[in-house]
Amino acid sequence: MFTYKGAYEGFYPVYDYIYNVCLFGYKFDLADKPALEWYVKSPPFYKPENYVTDFYVPIK
C-alpha cells in the first residue's frame, strides 16, 4: 500500500513512482488485476491539498 496526500491531479506521478521506482528491481510478480484507490479524505469535506488516497497494487 502507498499513501498519497494532495490533489488528484498528482496521481500520475504516484503511479509512475510505484511501478517504475518502488517495484522496479524487486522480484514481485504483478497480479493480473487493477490497482485500487481508496479515498481516505476526499471532497466535499476536505480541500484538494488535504486529500488522502491509499493505492493498493496487486502482486502475486
N, C-alpha and C. Protein backbone atom coordinates (compact mmCIF):
# COMPACT_ATOMS: atom_id res chain seq x y z
N MET A 1 0.85 -1.17 0.00
CA MET A 1 0.00 0.00 0.00
C MET A 1 0.89 1.24 0.00
N PHE A 2 0.47 2.23 -0.73
CA PHE A 2 1.15 3.51 -0.81
C PHE A 2 0.14 4.60 -0.48
N THR A 3 0.53 5.57 0.31
CA THR A 3 -0.37 6.66 0.68
C THR A 3 0.11 7.96 0.05
N TYR A 4 -0.83 8.70 -0.51
CA TYR A 4 -0.53 9.98 -1.17
C TYR A 4 -1.41 11.06 -0.56
N LYS A 5 -0.82 12.21 -0.27
CA LYS A 5 -1.59 13.35 0.21
C LYS A 5 -1.48 14.47 -0.81
N GLY A 6 -2.62 14.92 -1.31
CA GLY A 6 -2.64 16.01 -2.27
C GLY A 6 -3.78 15.86 -3.26
N ALA A 7 -3.83 16.80 -4.19
CA ALA A 7 -4.90 16.83 -5.20
C ALA A 7 -4.81 15.63 -6.13
N TYR A 8 -5.93 15.28 -6.71
CA TYR A 8 -6.00 14.11 -7.59
C TYR A 8 -5.16 14.27 -8.86
N GLU A 9 -4.86 15.50 -9.24
CA GLU A 9 -4.03 15.73 -10.42
C GLU A 9 -2.63 15.14 -10.25
N GLY A 10 -2.24 14.83 -9.03
CA GLY A 10 -0.92 14.27 -8.77
C GLY A 10 -0.84 12.76 -8.87
N PHE A 11 -1.91 12.10 -9.29
CA PHE A 11 -1.92 10.64 -9.34
C PHE A 11 -0.93 10.06 -10.34
N TYR A 12 -0.76 10.68 -11.49
CA TYR A 12 0.14 10.11 -12.49
C TYR A 12 1.56 9.94 -11.95
N PRO A 13 2.15 10.96 -11.31
CA PRO A 13 3.49 10.76 -10.74
C PRO A 13 3.52 9.69 -9.65
N VAL A 14 2.43 9.54 -8.92
CA VAL A 14 2.38 8.50 -7.89
C VAL A 14 2.46 7.12 -8.53
N TYR A 15 1.64 6.87 -9.54
CA TYR A 15 1.68 5.58 -10.22
C TYR A 15 3.03 5.35 -10.89
N ASP A 16 3.60 6.38 -11.47
CA ASP A 16 4.92 6.26 -12.09
C ASP A 16 5.96 5.86 -11.04
N TYR A 17 5.92 6.49 -9.89
CA TYR A 17 6.85 6.17 -8.81
C TYR A 17 6.66 4.73 -8.31
N ILE A 18 5.41 4.33 -8.11
CA ILE A 18 5.13 2.98 -7.61
C ILE A 18 5.66 1.93 -8.57
N TYR A 19 5.30 2.04 -9.84
CA TYR A 19 5.64 0.98 -10.80
C TYR A 19 7.07 1.06 -11.30
N ASN A 20 7.63 2.26 -11.43
CA ASN A 20 8.95 2.39 -12.05
C ASN A 20 10.09 2.62 -11.07
N VAL A 21 9.78 2.90 -9.82
CA VAL A 21 10.83 3.09 -8.82
C VAL A 21 10.70 2.04 -7.71
N CYS A 22 9.56 2.01 -7.05
CA CYS A 22 9.39 1.11 -5.91
C CYS A 22 9.41 -0.36 -6.30
N LEU A 23 8.69 -0.72 -7.34
CA LEU A 23 8.59 -2.13 -7.71
C LEU A 23 9.66 -2.57 -8.69
N PHE A 24 10.36 -1.62 -9.31
CA PHE A 24 11.40 -1.95 -10.28
C PHE A 24 12.57 -2.62 -9.56
N GLY A 25 12.99 -3.74 -10.06
CA GLY A 25 14.14 -4.43 -9.49
C GLY A 25 13.79 -5.43 -8.41
N TYR A 26 12.57 -5.42 -7.93
CA TYR A 26 12.15 -6.42 -6.95
C TYR A 26 11.60 -7.63 -7.67
N LYS A 27 11.57 -8.73 -6.99
CA LYS A 27 11.11 -9.99 -7.60
C LYS A 27 9.61 -10.20 -7.45
N PHE A 28 8.86 -9.11 -7.41
CA PHE A 28 7.41 -9.22 -7.32
C PHE A 28 6.84 -9.49 -8.70
N ASP A 29 5.86 -10.36 -8.75
CA ASP A 29 5.08 -10.54 -9.97
C ASP A 29 3.77 -9.81 -9.77
N LEU A 30 3.45 -8.92 -10.69
CA LEU A 30 2.18 -8.21 -10.59
C LEU A 30 1.04 -9.14 -10.94
N ALA A 31 -0.02 -9.09 -10.16
CA ALA A 31 -1.21 -9.88 -10.44
C ALA A 31 -1.95 -9.24 -11.61
N ASP A 32 -2.69 -10.03 -12.33
CA ASP A 32 -3.45 -9.54 -13.48
C ASP A 32 -4.77 -8.95 -13.01
N LYS A 33 -4.67 -7.94 -12.17
CA LYS A 33 -5.83 -7.25 -11.61
C LYS A 33 -5.51 -5.77 -11.56
N PRO A 34 -6.53 -4.93 -11.54
CA PRO A 34 -6.26 -3.49 -11.50
C PRO A 34 -5.81 -3.04 -10.11
N ALA A 35 -5.06 -1.96 -10.08
CA ALA A 35 -4.73 -1.32 -8.82
C ALA A 35 -6.00 -0.67 -8.27
N LEU A 36 -6.04 -0.50 -6.96
CA LEU A 36 -7.21 0.10 -6.32
C LEU A 36 -6.81 1.40 -5.64
N GLU A 37 -7.72 2.34 -5.63
CA GLU A 37 -7.53 3.61 -4.94
C GLU A 37 -8.60 3.72 -3.85
N TRP A 38 -8.14 3.97 -2.63
CA TRP A 38 -9.07 4.15 -1.51
C TRP A 38 -8.98 5.61 -1.10
N TYR A 39 -10.09 6.32 -1.23
CA TYR A 39 -10.12 7.75 -0.94
C TYR A 39 -10.40 7.96 0.54
N VAL A 40 -9.34 8.14 1.32
CA VAL A 40 -9.44 8.26 2.77
C VAL A 40 -10.04 9.60 3.17
N LYS A 41 -9.52 10.66 2.59
CA LYS A 41 -10.06 12.02 2.80
C LYS A 41 -10.32 12.61 1.43
N SER A 42 -11.57 12.91 1.15
CA SER A 42 -11.95 13.34 -0.20
C SER A 42 -13.03 14.42 -0.14
N PRO A 43 -13.38 14.99 -1.31
CA PRO A 43 -14.41 16.02 -1.33
C PRO A 43 -15.75 15.45 -0.88
N PRO A 44 -16.62 16.24 -0.38
CA PRO A 44 -16.58 17.69 -0.24
C PRO A 44 -16.05 18.17 1.11
N PHE A 45 -15.52 17.26 1.93
CA PHE A 45 -15.15 17.61 3.30
C PHE A 45 -13.75 18.19 3.45
N TYR A 46 -12.91 18.03 2.45
CA TYR A 46 -11.51 18.47 2.54
C TYR A 46 -11.11 19.28 1.31
N LYS A 47 -10.12 20.12 1.48
CA LYS A 47 -9.55 20.86 0.36
C LYS A 47 -8.62 19.93 -0.42
N PRO A 48 -8.42 20.18 -1.72
CA PRO A 48 -7.59 19.28 -2.54
C PRO A 48 -6.20 19.02 -1.97
N GLU A 49 -5.58 20.00 -1.38
CA GLU A 49 -4.23 19.78 -0.85
C GLU A 49 -4.23 18.87 0.38
N ASN A 50 -5.41 18.61 0.95
CA ASN A 50 -5.52 17.74 2.12
C ASN A 50 -6.14 16.38 1.81
N TYR A 51 -6.42 16.10 0.54
CA TYR A 51 -6.95 14.79 0.18
C TYR A 51 -5.91 13.73 0.53
N VAL A 52 -6.38 12.58 0.98
CA VAL A 52 -5.50 11.44 1.26
C VAL A 52 -6.05 10.24 0.50
N THR A 53 -5.19 9.60 -0.25
CA THR A 53 -5.57 8.44 -1.05
C THR A 53 -4.57 7.32 -0.82
N ASP A 54 -5.08 6.12 -0.58
CA ASP A 54 -4.24 4.93 -0.47
C ASP A 54 -4.30 4.18 -1.79
N PHE A 55 -3.14 3.74 -2.27
CA PHE A 55 -3.03 2.98 -3.51
C PHE A 55 -2.64 1.55 -3.17
N TYR A 56 -3.40 0.61 -3.68
CA TYR A 56 -3.13 -0.81 -3.48
C TYR A 56 -2.75 -1.43 -4.82
N VAL A 57 -1.57 -2.01 -4.88
CA VAL A 57 -1.08 -2.62 -6.11
C VAL A 57 -1.08 -4.13 -5.93
N PRO A 58 -1.82 -4.87 -6.75
CA PRO A 58 -1.91 -6.32 -6.57
C PRO A 58 -0.64 -7.03 -7.04
N ILE A 59 -0.08 -7.82 -6.15
CA ILE A 59 1.08 -8.64 -6.51
C ILE A 59 0.76 -10.09 -6.17
N LYS A 60 1.49 -10.99 -6.82
CA LYS A 60 1.28 -12.42 -6.57
C LYS A 60 2.09 -12.86 -5.37
